[in-house]
Amino acid sequence: MSVTETARQERVIELRLGPVAHGGHVVARHEGRVVFVRHGIPSELARVALTDADEGAKFWRGDVVEVLEASPHRREHVWDLADSLRAHSEGRLPVGGAEFGHIALDEQRRLKAAVIREQLERLAHLERDIVVEPVPLRPGAADDGGGLAWRTRCSFAVTPEGRLAMHAHRSEELIPITGMPLATDEIDALHLWELDLRGVERVEVAAPASGSAPLVVFTLADGVAPARLTEILDGLDPAVSASAVGSAALGPGAARSPLTVRGRGSVTEHVLGHHYTVTGEGFWQIHRRAPETLVTAVLDALGGVLAAGAQVADLYAGAGLFTAPLAAAVGPGGYVLSVEGSPGTSRDARRTFKRQPEVAVVQGRVERVLRTQGGPGAFDAVVLDPPRAGAGREAVRQLVAAEPKAIAYVACDPASFARDLGWFRDAGWTLGSLRAFDLYPMTHHVESVALLLPPAHAN
């Protein structure tokens, strides 16, 4: 194995790349040490620039900078700035967020399925065939857009010179951008990279799939004069709603908090006949078809458990994506407990459901709420949609004790899902259906919907 250096003075080694691993890497070995490699494909022979290679570390990390023997699934990267080969040849790191953009879409999905399968086997001791389903960009169509133009929400950094930028993976390095191929056309059309953003720390953009006006949220640096915000807004399309976060927008001595400076400080989302209000800082699924896809999968999984009058819990509920269809399923005689930890997102849910007495929106930690409202028989069904860290042992323990007839687990991380599933299985629960959806094309992320059944209801 040869060892050289790149223009960035990085150590470069030649590696034969092994299987895909969770987190967007493939696994290789160098003199007995594991190396987690990004921007490669299993079986390739490549030169890898080591980005994290402390001699005392158990494993190293690296980026592919040259392919010596290419996989048949390799293609030209969909985004020049995220292309590791181009980036390192130019003496910079690749932009994060499109680490699978060099892989054919069908192979991306096969690799994601392999990761889910491996995590289930290793952490839940369960063998299951997995197929990652493509998701069309629009209802009634088969076109997935080639894995592009699906993001309805984006978060950007800003360089000291005021240019829109994104971070490199696991790095503080900022790379100025002039486009984002994964973003919807509505976001791309804003041309935010043309603005002088000096005085802004971050930019959040939300462009609802419903077609309503996009919302742009600026996080201002401390000490920025209000006049600077006015200058920035002058460069923004007048039809776009805008908010600011920062004391400068509110006056001297004010706390950092959101302030709508043009239009509305929220967007309206529509999913299968239900309407939601989501503020700029509120959580919402980012793929334009994700809400509809996940709601349909959850309702299909729970099936007849969601009868009229049923008692249901929507845990880690966000703005209430699942709460609304659950309330419609159980009807006025039923009850839906909607629990969300984030104060801002919980406020969004309260606005959405304030006229629905069958829905109780509670802001707080799931474990704490279950402690007081989740005793045996409290729920007929539960929707569990935790963050990437998963539900955790205590939440699983409390859900097992609550004895619902079924749990629909919506998982955005295969490892934490498999770990939680292992704890459910230890308590006698079984995995019913499991579907996986490619809601994050060009990235390693994948979303799953699983039906979990207690011992008394296992098939």
Protein backbone atom coordinates (compact mmCIF):
# COMPACT_ATOMS: atom_id res chain seq x y z
CA MET A 1 0.00 0.00 0.00
CA SER A 2 1.45 3.34 -1.05
CA VAL A 3 1.41 6.41 1.22
CA THR A 4 1.48 9.93 -0.29
CA GLU A 5 0.16 13.42 0.49
CA THR A 6 -2.47 15.62 -1.19
CA ALA A 7 -2.44 19.38 -1.80
CA ARG A 8 -4.06 19.70 1.65
CA GLN A 9 -1.05 17.92 3.17
CA GLU A 10 -3.21 14.89 3.98
CA ARG A 11 -1.80 11.42 4.33
CA VAL A 12 -3.07 9.22 1.50
CA ILE A 13 -3.17 5.43 1.51
CA GLU A 14 -4.30 2.87 -1.05
CA LEU A 15 -7.17 0.66 0.13
CA ARG A 16 -9.44 -2.07 -1.13
CA LEU A 17 -12.89 -1.00 0.05
CA GLY A 18 -15.09 -3.47 1.88
CA PRO A 19 -18.78 -3.57 2.86
CA VAL A 20 -21.04 -0.61 3.49
CA ALA A 21 -21.37 0.56 7.11
CA HIS A 22 -23.91 2.62 8.97
CA GLY A 23 -23.26 6.37 8.70
CA GLY A 24 -22.41 6.70 5.03
CA HIS A 25 -19.11 4.83 5.06
CA VAL A 26 -17.60 1.72 3.60
CA VAL A 27 -15.19 -0.30 5.71
CA ALA A 28 -11.57 -0.95 4.80
CA ARG A 29 -8.50 -2.11 6.71
CA HIS A 30 -4.98 -0.73 6.80
CA GLU A 31 -2.33 -2.75 8.62
CA GLY A 32 -5.02 -4.30 10.81
CA ARG A 33 -6.75 -1.02 11.64
CA VAL A 34 -10.34 -0.31 10.56
CA VAL A 35 -10.76 2.72 8.29
CA PHE A 36 -14.22 4.19 7.73
CA VAL A 37 -14.17 5.61 4.22
CA ARG A 38 -16.63 8.08 2.70
CA HIS A 39 -17.29 8.61 -1.01
CA GLY A 40 -16.38 5.06 -1.97
CA ILE A 41 -18.30 1.98 -3.09
CA PRO A 42 -17.74 -1.60 -1.87
CA SER A 43 -15.10 -3.55 -3.85
CA GLU A 44 -13.37 -0.46 -5.26
CA LEU A 45 -9.62 0.03 -5.11
CA ALA A 46 -9.01 3.63 -4.16
CA ARG A 47 -6.58 6.18 -2.81
CA VAL A 48 -7.96 7.50 0.46
CA ALA A 49 -7.02 10.76 2.18
CA LEU A 50 -7.08 10.27 5.93
CA THR A 51 -9.18 12.99 7.58
CA ASP A 52 -8.98 11.58 11.11
CA ALA A 53 -5.96 9.38 11.74
CA ASP A 54 -4.66 9.69 15.28
CA GLU A 55 -2.14 6.93 15.89
CA GLY A 56 -3.81 6.02 19.19
CA ALA A 57 -7.33 5.80 17.75
CA LYS A 58 -9.17 2.50 17.40
CA PHE A 59 -10.20 3.42 13.85
CA TRP A 60 -9.46 6.04 11.23
CA ARG A 61 -11.63 8.04 8.83
CA GLY A 62 -10.93 9.05 5.28
CA ASP A 63 -12.25 10.29 1.94
CA VAL A 64 -11.72 8.67 -1.45
CA VAL A 65 -9.60 11.05 -3.54
CA GLU A 66 -8.81 8.80 -6.50
CA VAL A 67 -10.43 5.64 -7.83
CA LEU A 68 -8.01 3.05 -9.21
CA GLU A 69 -10.57 0.30 -9.86
CA ALA A 70 -14.13 1.66 -10.09
CA SER A 71 -17.36 -0.10 -9.17
CA PRO A 72 -19.82 -0.53 -12.07
CA HIS A 73 -22.26 1.44 -9.89
CA ARG A 74 -20.07 4.57 -9.81
CA ARG A 75 -21.25 7.56 -11.84
CA GLU A 76 -20.38 11.22 -12.15
CA HIS A 77 -21.34 13.00 -8.94
CA VAL A 78 -24.60 14.96 -9.06
CA TRP A 79 -23.03 17.97 -7.27
CA ASP A 80 -19.53 19.23 -8.00
CA LEU A 81 -19.08 20.76 -4.54
CA ALA A 82 -19.91 17.45 -2.86
CA ASP A 83 -17.67 15.40 -5.16
CA SER A 84 -14.76 14.18 -3.06
CA LEU A 85 -12.51 13.51 -6.05
CA ARG A 86 -12.93 17.04 -7.39
CA ALA A 87 -12.81 18.68 -3.95
CA HIS A 88 -9.51 17.17 -2.86
CA SER A 89 -7.94 17.88 -6.26
CA GLU A 90 -8.88 21.54 -5.66
CA GLY A 91 -7.36 21.55 -2.18
CA ARG A 92 -10.61 21.63 -0.19
CA LEU A 93 -13.05 19.28 1.52
CA PRO A 94 -16.35 18.23 -0.09
CA VAL A 95 -19.61 19.75 1.07
CA GLY A 96 -21.52 17.42 3.39
CA GLY A 97 -25.03 16.19 2.70
CA ALA A 98 -24.69 14.32 -0.60
CA GLU A 99 -22.23 11.57 0.28
CA PHE A 100 -23.94 8.99 -1.98
CA GLY A 101 -24.19 11.30 -4.99
CA HIS A 102 -21.55 9.31 -6.87
CA ILE A 103 -23.57 6.07 -6.68
CA ALA A 104 -26.37 4.95 -9.03
CA LEU A 105 -29.75 5.30 -7.32
CA ASP A 106 -30.64 1.60 -7.41
CA GLU A 107 -27.33 0.78 -5.77
CA GLN A 108 -27.82 3.50 -3.15
CA ARG A 109 -31.05 1.78 -2.12
CA ARG A 110 -29.45 -1.66 -2.09
CA LEU A 111 -26.69 -0.35 0.20
CA LYS A 112 -29.22 1.26 2.55
CA ALA A 113 -31.13 -2.01 2.71
CA ALA A 114 -27.89 -3.81 3.55
CA VAL A 115 -27.27 -1.40 6.43
CA ILE A 116 -30.76 -1.94 7.89
CA ARG A 117 -30.39 -5.70 7.55
CA GLU A 118 -26.95 -5.69 9.23
CA GLN A 119 -28.14 -3.52 12.13
CA LEU A 120 -31.17 -5.76 12.72
CA GLU A 121 -28.98 -8.86 12.77
CA ARG A 122 -26.32 -7.38 15.02
CA LEU A 123 -28.42 -5.39 17.52
CA ALA A 124 -31.84 -7.07 17.46
CA HIS A 125 -30.68 -10.60 16.53
CA LEU A 126 -33.30 -10.68 13.79
CA GLU A 127 -32.99 -11.67 10.14
CA ARG A 128 -35.28 -9.84 7.74
CA ASP A 129 -35.21 -9.21 4.00
CA ILE A 130 -35.26 -5.47 3.32
CA VAL A 131 -36.24 -3.50 0.24
CA VAL A 132 -35.83 0.28 0.23
CA GLU A 133 -38.70 1.73 -1.77
CA PRO A 134 -38.25 4.74 -4.08
CA VAL A 135 -40.58 7.68 -3.45
CA PRO A 136 -42.01 9.66 -6.40
CA LEU A 137 -41.71 13.43 -6.24
CA ARG A 138 -45.40 13.99 -6.98
CA PRO A 139 -48.64 12.08 -6.30
CA GLY A 140 -49.72 9.67 -8.98
CA ALA A 141 -46.33 9.73 -10.70
CA ALA A 142 -43.56 7.17 -10.86
CA ASP A 143 -40.77 9.71 -11.39
CA ASP A 144 -38.46 10.07 -8.39
CA GLY A 145 -36.74 13.07 -9.95
CA GLY A 146 -33.49 11.19 -10.28
CA GLY A 147 -33.00 11.66 -6.54
CA LEU A 148 -32.84 15.47 -6.88
CA ALA A 149 -35.06 18.47 -6.04
CA TRP A 150 -36.77 16.82 -3.06
CA ARG A 151 -35.70 18.95 -0.07
CA THR A 152 -38.37 21.42 1.05
CA ARG A 153 -36.20 22.61 3.94
CA CYS A 154 -32.56 23.62 3.98
CA SER A 155 -30.17 25.06 6.54
CA PHE A 156 -27.17 27.09 5.45
CA ALA A 157 -24.19 28.73 7.12
CA VAL A 158 -22.70 32.07 6.09
CA THR A 159 -19.02 32.88 5.51
CA PRO A 160 -17.42 35.92 7.17
CA GLU A 161 -17.61 37.57 3.74
CA GLY A 162 -21.41 37.15 3.73
CA ARG A 163 -21.67 34.30 1.23
CA LEU A 164 -24.16 31.43 1.59
CA ALA A 165 -22.25 28.29 2.52
CA MET A 166 -22.37 24.74 3.85
CA HIS A 167 -20.02 22.83 6.13
CA ALA A 168 -17.79 19.99 5.14
CA HIS A 169 -18.53 16.71 6.93
CA ARG A 170 -17.29 16.72 10.56
CA SER A 171 -15.54 20.03 9.94
CA GLU A 172 -15.87 23.75 10.65
CA GLU A 173 -14.66 24.46 7.12
CA LEU A 174 -17.23 26.48 5.15
CA ILE A 175 -17.67 26.04 1.42
CA PRO A 176 -19.54 28.84 -0.42
CA ILE A 177 -22.32 27.50 -2.62
CA THR A 178 -24.17 28.72 -5.71
CA GLY A 179 -26.94 26.13 -5.73
CA MET A 180 -28.21 23.06 -3.91
CA PRO A 181 -29.30 20.25 -6.29
CA LEU A 182 -31.23 18.39 -3.60
CA ALA A 183 -33.42 21.43 -2.84
CA THR A 184 -36.77 21.98 -4.51
CA ASP A 185 -37.04 24.38 -7.43
CA GLU A 186 -38.86 26.83 -5.13
CA ILE A 187 -35.78 27.09 -2.89
CA ASP A 188 -33.35 27.19 -5.77
CA ALA A 189 -35.33 30.03 -7.38
CA LEU A 190 -34.65 32.28 -4.36
CA HIS A 191 -30.97 32.61 -5.43
CA LEU A 192 -29.94 33.19 -1.83
CA TRP A 193 -26.29 32.79 -2.79
CA GLU A 194 -26.54 36.13 -4.64
CA LEU A 195 -27.31 38.06 -1.43
CA ASP A 196 -24.79 39.93 0.69
CA LEU A 197 -25.41 38.18 4.02
CA ARG A 198 -22.81 39.91 6.19
CA GLY A 199 -24.16 40.05 9.73
CA VAL A 200 -26.08 36.76 9.36
CA GLU A 201 -24.92 33.55 11.07
CA ARG A 202 -27.40 31.06 9.61
CA VAL A 203 -30.18 30.91 7.03
CA GLU A 204 -33.11 28.48 7.28
CA VAL A 205 -35.45 28.04 4.32
CA ALA A 206 -38.82 26.26 4.14
CA ALA A 207 -40.73 25.89 0.89
CA PRO A 208 -43.99 23.99 1.49
CA ALA A 209 -44.90 21.21 -0.91
CA SER A 210 -48.35 22.86 -1.09
CA GLY A 211 -46.84 25.65 -3.17
CA SER A 212 -47.41 28.49 -0.70
CA ALA A 213 -44.77 31.20 -0.29
CA PRO A 214 -41.39 30.09 1.04
CA LEU A 215 -40.23 31.26 4.46
CA VAL A 216 -36.65 32.41 5.05
CA VAL A 217 -35.34 32.74 8.62
CA PHE A 218 -32.15 34.70 9.28
CA THR A 219 -30.17 34.18 12.48
CA LEU A 220 -28.38 37.47 13.08
CA ALA A 221 -24.99 37.87 14.70
CA ASP A 222 -24.84 39.79 17.98
CA GLY A 223 -24.44 43.53 17.59
CA VAL A 224 -25.74 43.72 14.02
CA ALA A 225 -27.59 46.97 13.33
CA PRO A 226 -31.26 46.71 12.28
CA ALA A 227 -30.36 48.63 9.11
CA ARG A 228 -28.23 45.64 8.00
CA LEU A 229 -31.33 43.42 8.12
CA THR A 230 -33.18 45.94 5.96
CA GLU A 231 -30.36 45.81 3.40
CA ILE A 232 -30.57 42.01 3.30
CA LEU A 233 -34.33 42.05 2.87
CA ASP A 234 -34.01 44.48 -0.01
CA GLY A 235 -32.23 41.72 -1.92
CA LEU A 236 -34.92 39.13 -1.18
CA ASP A 237 -37.93 38.49 -3.41
CA PRO A 238 -40.78 40.67 -2.01
CA ALA A 239 -43.20 37.71 -2.24
CA VAL A 240 -41.12 35.66 0.22
CA SER A 241 -41.97 35.65 3.94
CA ALA A 242 -39.03 36.43 6.21
CA SER A 243 -38.23 36.19 9.90
CA ALA A 244 -35.19 37.09 11.95
CA VAL A 245 -33.72 35.58 15.10
CA GLY A 246 -31.49 37.86 17.16
CA SER A 247 -31.48 40.80 19.47
CA ALA A 248 -30.61 43.23 16.67
CA ALA A 249 -34.05 42.77 15.14
CA LEU A 250 -35.79 43.59 18.41
CA GLY A 251 -33.71 46.48 19.68
CA PRO A 252 -30.84 46.96 22.12
CA GLY A 253 -30.84 44.68 25.13
CA ALA A 254 -33.57 42.37 23.79
CA ALA A 255 -33.33 38.60 24.05
CA ARG A 256 -32.62 36.50 20.98
CA SER A 257 -36.03 35.42 19.75
CA PRO A 258 -37.95 35.07 16.46
CA LEU A 259 -39.47 38.15 14.86
CA THR A 260 -41.48 38.14 11.63
CA VAL A 261 -40.18 40.95 9.46
CA ARG A 262 -42.15 40.25 6.30
CA GLY A 263 -45.26 38.17 5.67
CA ARG A 264 -45.94 35.28 8.04
CA GLY A 265 -43.53 33.57 10.40
CA SER A 266 -44.89 30.15 9.51
CA VAL A 267 -45.91 28.01 6.56
CA THR A 268 -49.00 25.91 6.02
CA GLU A 269 -48.56 22.26 5.07
CA HIS A 270 -51.28 20.02 3.63
CA VAL A 271 -51.18 16.23 3.97
CA LEU A 272 -54.02 13.93 2.88
CA GLY A 273 -56.68 16.52 3.66
CA HIS A 274 -55.15 17.68 6.96
CA HIS A 275 -53.69 21.15 7.48
CA TYR A 276 -50.73 22.07 9.68
CA THR A 277 -49.07 25.31 10.77
CA VAL A 278 -45.28 25.05 11.03
CA THR A 279 -43.04 27.93 12.09
CA GLY A 280 -39.57 28.45 10.67
CA GLU A 281 -37.88 26.79 13.64
CA GLY A 282 -40.47 23.99 13.84
CA PHE A 283 -39.76 20.42 12.73
CA TRP A 284 -41.23 19.02 9.52
CA GLN A 285 -40.20 16.17 7.24
CA ILE A 286 -37.91 17.52 4.52
CA HIS A 287 -38.75 15.33 1.50
CA ARG A 288 -41.74 16.83 -0.32
CA ARG A 289 -43.56 13.46 -0.29
CA ALA A 290 -42.34 12.22 3.10
CA PRO A 291 -45.38 13.33 5.14
CA GLU A 292 -47.87 11.59 2.87
CA THR A 293 -45.68 8.50 2.51
CA LEU A 294 -45.13 8.05 6.24
CA VAL A 295 -48.71 8.79 7.28
CA THR A 296 -50.02 6.23 4.79
CA ALA A 297 -47.52 3.61 6.00
CA VAL A 298 -48.37 4.21 9.67
CA LEU A 299 -52.13 3.98 9.10
CA ASP A 300 -51.67 0.81 7.05
CA ALA A 301 -49.49 -0.72 9.78
CA LEU A 302 -51.92 -0.02 12.62
CA GLY A 303 -54.91 -1.17 10.59
CA GLY A 304 -57.95 -2.18 12.65
CA VAL A 305 -56.40 -1.05 15.96
CA LEU A 306 -57.42 2.52 15.11
CA ALA A 307 -61.13 1.94 15.61
CA ALA A 308 -63.58 4.67 16.56
CA GLY A 309 -63.22 5.58 20.22
CA ALA A 310 -59.67 4.23 20.55
CA GLN A 311 -57.07 5.78 22.88
CA VAL A 312 -53.85 6.59 21.02
CA ALA A 313 -50.49 8.21 21.80
CA ASP A 314 -48.38 10.07 19.25
CA LEU A 315 -44.92 10.28 20.82
CA TYR A 316 -42.21 12.63 19.58
CA ALA A 317 -45.11 14.14 17.66
CA GLY A 318 -43.43 17.21 16.22
CA ALA A 319 -45.99 19.57 14.70
CA GLY A 320 -48.58 16.77 14.74
CA LEU A 321 -48.06 15.06 11.38
CA PHE A 322 -49.48 11.78 12.70
CA THR A 323 -51.72 13.35 15.34
CA ALA A 324 -54.20 14.69 12.76
CA PRO A 325 -54.89 11.40 10.93
CA LEU A 326 -54.95 9.53 14.24
CA ALA A 327 -57.60 11.94 15.55
CA ALA A 328 -59.63 11.44 12.38
CA ALA A 329 -59.37 7.65 12.76
CA VAL A 330 -60.50 7.48 16.40
CA GLY A 331 -63.19 10.16 16.01
CA PRO A 332 -64.74 12.50 18.61
CA GLY A 333 -65.23 9.61 21.06
CA GLY A 334 -61.55 8.74 20.98
CA TYR A 335 -58.48 10.37 22.43
CA VAL A 336 -55.02 11.26 21.05
CA LEU A 337 -52.16 12.22 23.37
CA SER A 338 -49.64 14.20 21.29
CA VAL A 339 -46.26 14.57 23.04
CA GLU A 340 -43.38 16.72 21.80
CA GLY A 341 -40.29 17.91 23.65
CA SER A 342 -39.48 21.01 21.61
CA PRO A 343 -41.40 24.06 22.91
CA GLY A 344 -41.57 25.75 19.50
CA THR A 345 -42.77 22.69 17.64
CA SER A 346 -45.26 21.90 20.40
CA ARG A 347 -46.67 25.42 20.01
CA ASP A 348 -47.17 24.66 16.31
CA ALA A 349 -49.18 21.57 17.27
CA ARG A 350 -51.30 23.47 19.77
CA ARG A 351 -52.23 26.01 17.10
CA THR A 352 -53.18 23.21 14.70
CA PHE A 353 -55.34 21.24 17.18
CA LYS A 354 -56.75 23.98 19.42
CA ARG A 355 -60.31 23.27 18.22
CA GLN A 356 -60.11 19.48 18.56
CA PRO A 357 -61.01 18.44 22.14
CA GLU A 358 -60.12 14.82 21.42
CA VAL A 359 -56.45 15.87 21.04
CA ALA A 360 -54.30 16.69 24.07
CA VAL A 361 -51.00 18.37 23.09
CA VAL A 362 -48.39 18.04 25.83
CA GLN A 363 -44.92 19.58 25.70
CA GLY A 364 -42.31 17.60 27.61
CA ARG A 365 -40.00 14.60 27.60
CA VAL A 366 -41.74 11.43 26.48
CA GLU A 367 -40.49 9.44 29.47
CA ARG A 368 -41.81 12.02 31.93
CA VAL A 369 -45.23 12.20 30.27
CA LEU A 370 -45.56 8.41 30.10
CA ARG A 371 -44.74 8.24 33.80
CA THR A 372 -47.99 10.06 34.61
CA GLN A 373 -50.21 9.21 31.64
CA GLY A 374 -48.98 5.87 30.36
CA GLY A 375 -50.07 3.16 32.80
CA PRO A 376 -51.27 -0.31 31.73
CA GLY A 377 -54.13 -0.09 29.26
CA ALA A 378 -53.72 3.66 28.70
CA PHE A 379 -53.40 3.28 24.93
CA ASP A 380 -54.79 0.99 22.27
CA ALA A 381 -52.07 2.05 19.85
CA VAL A 382 -48.91 4.16 19.84
CA VAL A 383 -47.03 5.97 17.10
CA LEU A 384 -43.37 6.28 18.07
CA ASP A 385 -41.32 8.68 15.93
CA PRO A 386 -38.14 9.44 17.92
CA PRO A 387 -35.14 11.50 16.79
CA ARG A 388 -32.00 9.85 15.50
CA ALA A 389 -30.95 8.84 19.01
CA GLY A 390 -34.01 6.57 19.21
CA ALA A 391 -36.53 6.15 22.01
CA GLY A 392 -34.10 4.72 24.55
CA ARG A 393 -34.36 2.00 27.16
CA GLU A 394 -36.59 3.90 29.61
CA ALA A 395 -39.19 4.86 27.00
CA VAL A 396 -39.23 1.26 25.71
CA ARG A 397 -39.70 -0.03 29.26
CA GLN A 398 -42.64 2.30 29.84
CA LEU A 399 -44.27 1.41 26.53
CA VAL A 400 -43.98 -2.30 27.28
CA ALA A 401 -45.65 -1.64 30.65
CA ALA A 402 -48.45 0.36 28.97
CA GLU A 403 -49.45 -2.78 27.00
CA PRO A 404 -50.79 -1.17 23.80
CA LYS A 405 -52.14 -3.52 21.14
CA ALA A 406 -49.66 -2.22 18.56
CA ILE A 407 -46.85 0.29 18.07
CA ALA A 408 -45.96 1.90 14.76
CA TYR A 409 -42.27 2.81 15.07
CA VAL A 410 -41.11 5.46 12.55
CA ALA A 411 -37.32 5.22 12.43
CA CYS A 412 -34.86 7.64 10.85
CA ASP A 413 -31.78 5.78 12.11
CA PRO A 414 -31.30 2.03 11.53
CA ALA A 415 -28.91 1.58 14.46
CA SER A 416 -31.05 3.20 17.16
CA PHE A 417 -34.14 1.47 15.77
CA ALA A 418 -32.46 -1.94 15.90
CA ARG A 419 -31.23 -1.28 19.43
CA ASP A 420 -34.74 -0.29 20.60
CA LEU A 421 -36.24 -3.25 18.75
CA GLY A 422 -33.84 -5.54 20.62
CA TRP A 423 -35.25 -4.28 23.93
CA PHE A 424 -38.81 -4.81 22.73
CA ARG A 425 -37.92 -8.35 21.65
CA ASP A 426 -36.37 -9.03 25.06
CA ALA A 427 -39.80 -8.19 26.51
CA GLY A 428 -41.52 -10.68 24.19
CA TRP A 429 -42.61 -8.28 21.45
CA THR A 430 -42.33 -9.21 17.78
CA LEU A 431 -41.64 -7.32 14.59
CA GLY A 432 -44.62 -7.42 12.23
CA SER A 433 -44.36 -5.47 8.99
CA LEU A 434 -41.31 -3.37 8.12
CA ARG A 435 -41.11 -0.95 5.21
CA ALA A 436 -38.17 1.27 4.29
CA PHE A 437 -38.38 4.41 2.12
CA ASP A 438 -35.71 6.32 0.24
CA LEU A 439 -36.71 9.74 1.54
CA TYR A 440 -33.14 11.09 1.49
CA PRO A 441 -31.70 10.24 -1.95
CA MET A 442 -27.99 10.97 -2.45
CA THR A 443 -27.40 10.56 1.30
CA HIS A 444 -26.97 7.50 3.50
CA HIS A 445 -30.14 8.28 5.47
CA VAL A 446 -33.23 6.10 5.20
CA GLU A 447 -36.65 6.11 6.88
CA SER A 448 -38.50 3.00 8.08
CA VAL A 449 -41.96 2.23 9.44
CA ALA A 450 -42.24 -0.90 11.58
CA LEU A 451 -45.21 -2.57 13.26
CA LEU A 452 -44.37 -3.89 16.74
CA LEU A 453 -46.74 -6.37 18.41
CA PRO A 454 -46.91 -7.41 22.09
CA PRO A 455 -46.77 -11.07 23.11
CA ALA A 456 -50.55 -11.46 23.32
CA HIS A 457 -51.00 -10.21 19.76
CA ALA A 458 -48.01 -11.86 18.07
CA ASN A 459 -48.86 -13.94 15.02
